[in-house]
C-alpha atoms as a PDB file:
ATOM      1  CA  MET A   1    -162.180 153.076  59.305  1.00  0.00           C
ATOM      2  CA  LYS A   2    -164.493 150.363  58.983  1.00  0.00           C
ATOM      3  CA  VAL A   3    -163.949 146.504  59.620  1.00  0.00           C
ATOM      4  CA  SER A   4    -165.030 146.018  55.817  1.00  0.00           C
ATOM      5  CA  GLN A   5    -161.945 148.239  54.928  1.00  0.00           C
ATOM      6  CA  ALA A   6    -159.499 146.492  57.057  1.00  0.00           C
ATOM      7  CA  VAL A   7    -160.639 143.131  55.770  1.00  0.00           C
ATOM      8  CA  LYS A   8    -160.247 144.147  51.961  1.00  0.00           C
ATOM      9  CA  ALA A   9    -156.850 145.076  52.719  1.00  0.00           C
ATOM     10  CA  LEU A  10    -156.266 142.106  54.923  1.00  0.00           C
ATOM     11  CA  LEU A  11    -157.568 139.889  52.033  1.00  0.00           C
ATOM     12  CA  PRO A  12    -156.369 141.489  48.667  1.00  0.00           C
ATOM     13  CA  GLY A  13    -158.265 139.884  45.600  1.00  0.00           C
ATOM     14  CA  VAL A  14    -160.504 137.574  47.658  1.00  0.00           C
ATOM     15  CA  MET A  15    -163.899 138.015  46.567  1.00  0.00           C
ATOM     16  CA  TRP A  16    -165.935 138.055  50.023  1.00  0.00           C
ATOM     17  CA  THR A  17    -169.267 139.508  51.699  1.00  0.00           C
ATOM     18  CA  LEU A  18    -169.684 141.229  55.124  1.00  0.00           C
ATOM     19  CA  ARG A  19    -172.903 142.375  56.346  1.00  0.00           C
ATOM     20  CA  ASN A  20    -173.357 145.184  58.126  1.00  0.00           C
ATOM     21  CA  GLU A  21    -169.596 145.644  59.352  1.00  0.00           C
ATOM     22  CA  ASP A  22    -169.910 142.725  61.933  1.00  0.00           C
ATOM     23  CA  LEU A  23    -166.995 140.336  61.220  1.00  0.00           C
ATOM     24  CA  THR A  24    -168.876 137.690  62.353  1.00  0.00           C
ATOM     25  CA  THR A  25    -171.234 137.692  59.399  1.00  0.00           C
ATOM     26  CA  LEU A  26    -167.797 137.279  56.919  1.00  0.00           C
ATOM     27  CA  VAL A  27    -168.236 134.917  54.015  1.00  0.00           C
ATOM     28  CA  VAL A  28    -164.888 134.093  52.348  1.00  0.00           C
ATOM     29  CA  PRO A  29    -164.335 131.503  49.486  1.00  0.00           C
ATOM     30  CA  GLN A  30    -163.465 127.717  50.486  1.00  0.00           C
ATOM     31  CA  GLY A  31    -159.718 127.593  51.409  1.00  0.00           C
ATOM     32  CA  VAL A  32    -159.236 131.042  52.358  1.00  0.00           C
ATOM     33  CA  THR A  33    -158.525 132.010  55.693  1.00  0.00           C
ATOM     34  CA  PRO A  34    -160.625 134.628  57.383  1.00  0.00           C
ATOM     35  CA  PRO A  35    -158.812 137.245  59.113  1.00  0.00           C
ATOM     36  CA  THR A  36    -159.203 136.809  63.304  1.00  0.00           C
ATOM     37  CA  GLN A  37    -160.862 139.842  65.162  1.00  0.00           C
ATOM     38  CA  ASN A  38    -157.569 140.570  66.613  1.00  0.00           C
ATOM     39  CA  GLN A  39    -156.449 140.760  63.195  1.00  0.00           C
ATOM     40  CA  VAL A  40    -158.886 143.375  61.792  1.00  0.00           C
ATOM     41  CA  ASP A  41    -158.746 145.170  65.501  1.00  0.00           C
ATOM     42  CA  ALA A  42    -154.844 145.635  65.131  1.00  0.00           C
ATOM     43  CA  TYR A  43    -155.135 146.712  60.990  1.00  0.00           C
ATOM     44  CA  ILE A  44    -157.918 149.317  62.198  1.00  0.00           C
ATOM     45  CA  ALA A  45    -155.672 150.188  64.884  1.00  0.00           C
ATOM     46  CA  ALA A  46    -152.261 150.830  62.768  1.00  0.00           C
ATOM     47  CA  HIS A  47    -154.199 153.000  60.161  1.00  0.00           C
ATOM     48  CA  ASN A  48    -156.828 154.763  61.960  1.00  0.00           C
ATOM     49  CA  TYR A  49    -154.407 157.905  62.844  1.00  0.00           C
ATOM     50  CA  TYR A  50    -154.811 159.164  59.022  1.00  0.00           C
ATOM     51  CA  GLU A  51    -158.628 159.351  59.956  1.00  0.00           C
ATOM     52  CA  LEU A  52    -158.199 161.149  63.282  1.00  0.00           C
ATOM     53  CA  ARG A  53    -155.456 163.412  61.974  1.00  0.00           C
ATOM     54  CA  ALA A  54    -157.964 164.410  59.307  1.00  0.00           C
ATOM     55  CA  LYS A  55    -160.987 165.467  61.382  1.00  0.00           C
ATOM     56  CA  GLU A  56    -158.260 167.501  63.740  1.00  0.00           C
ATOM     57  CA  TYR A  57    -155.732 169.507  60.902  1.00  0.00           C
ATOM     58  CA  PRO A  58    -156.661 173.126  60.550  1.00  0.00           C
ATOM     59  CA  PRO A  59    -158.900 173.915  57.195  1.00  0.00           C
ATOM     60  CA  THR A  60    -156.840 174.552  54.091  1.00  0.00           C
ATOM     61  CA  THR A  61    -158.327 177.955  53.830  1.00  0.00           C
ATOM     62  CA  ASP A  62    -156.143 178.637  56.546  1.00  0.00           C
ATOM     63  CA  LEU A  63    -153.286 177.802  54.542  1.00  0.00           C
ATOM     64  CA  ASN A  64    -154.082 179.912  52.008  1.00  0.00           C
ATOM     65  CA  ASP A  65    -154.582 182.567  54.200  1.00  0.00           C
ATOM     66  CA  ALA A  66    -151.400 182.521  55.450  1.00  0.00           C
ATOM     67  CA  LEU A  67    -149.639 182.444  52.291  1.00  0.00           C
ATOM     68  CA  VAL A  68    -151.787 185.333  51.223  1.00  0.00           C
ATOM     69  CA  HIS A  69    -150.308 186.823  54.676  1.00  0.00           C
ATOM     70  CA  GLN A  70    -146.681 185.801  53.798  1.00  0.00           C
ATOM     71  CA  ALA A  71    -147.123 187.388  50.278  1.00  0.00           C
ATOM     72  CA  ALA A  72    -148.192 190.732  51.820  1.00  0.00           C
ATOM     73  CA  GLY A  73    -145.054 190.767  53.806  1.00  0.00           C
ATOM     74  CA  ASP A  74    -145.736 189.098  57.427  1.00  0.00           C
ATOM     75  CA  ASN A  75    -142.299 187.358  57.428  1.00  0.00           C
ATOM     76  CA  GLY A  76    -143.983 183.952  57.185  1.00  0.00           C
ATOM     77  CA  VAL A  77    -145.508 184.328  60.819  1.00  0.00           C
ATOM     78  CA  ALA A  78    -148.979 182.970  60.129  1.00  0.00           C
ATOM     79  CA  LEU A  79    -147.315 180.329  57.473  1.00  0.00           C
ATOM     80  CA  ALA A  80    -145.369 179.146  60.784  1.00  0.00           C
ATOM     81  CA  ALA A  81    -148.348 179.214  62.780  1.00  0.00           C
ATOM     82  CA  TYR A  82    -150.573 176.892  60.295  1.00  0.00           C
ATOM     83  CA  LEU A  83    -147.340 174.403  60.402  1.00  0.00           C
ATOM     84  CA  ALA A  84    -147.160 174.560  63.626  1.00  0.00           C
ATOM     85  CA  ALA A  85    -151.092 173.521  64.006  1.00  0.00           C
ATOM     86  CA  CYS A  86    -150.301 170.891  61.604  1.00  0.00           C
ATOM     87  CA  GLN A  87    -147.299 169.329  63.511  1.00  0.00           C
ATOM     88  CA  ALA A  88    -149.872 169.335  66.674  1.00  0.00           C
ATOM     89  CA  VAL A  89    -152.480 167.022  65.292  1.00  0.00           C
ATOM     90  CA  LYS A  90    -148.930 165.100  63.900  1.00  0.00           C
ATOM     91  CA  ASN A  91    -147.618 164.749  67.338  1.00  0.00           C
ATOM     92  CA  LYS A  92    -151.351 163.970  68.998  1.00  0.00           C
ATOM     93  CA  TYR A  93    -151.489 161.154  66.481  1.00  0.00           C
ATOM     94  CA  PRO A  94    -148.376 159.679  65.757  1.00  0.00           C
ATOM     95  CA  LYS A  95    -147.990 157.248  62.752  1.00  0.00           C
ATOM     96  CA  PRO A  96    -147.457 153.776  64.041  1.00  0.00           C
ATOM     97  CA  VAL A  97    -144.114 152.246  62.645  1.00  0.00           C
END
């Protein structure tokens, strides 16, 4: 996740500028308190699981193949394997509470 994405979420509806994803270059309107580096880091840490999971999930082509195998009578073995692979990624990168 980029710093700009975190800033956008932390300052909804506020017009701001940022150069090169560098928080020290953040310019906000007068009267608006900019987020701190700790706030941005915390937001990124809390939402980064989604991107990490996306990189490691098995491809959806494997899901399609598993569904075809199930329809052909494999009793859902390939589908169960696909779902187990997805769950392993979820366990590796749990959603923050």
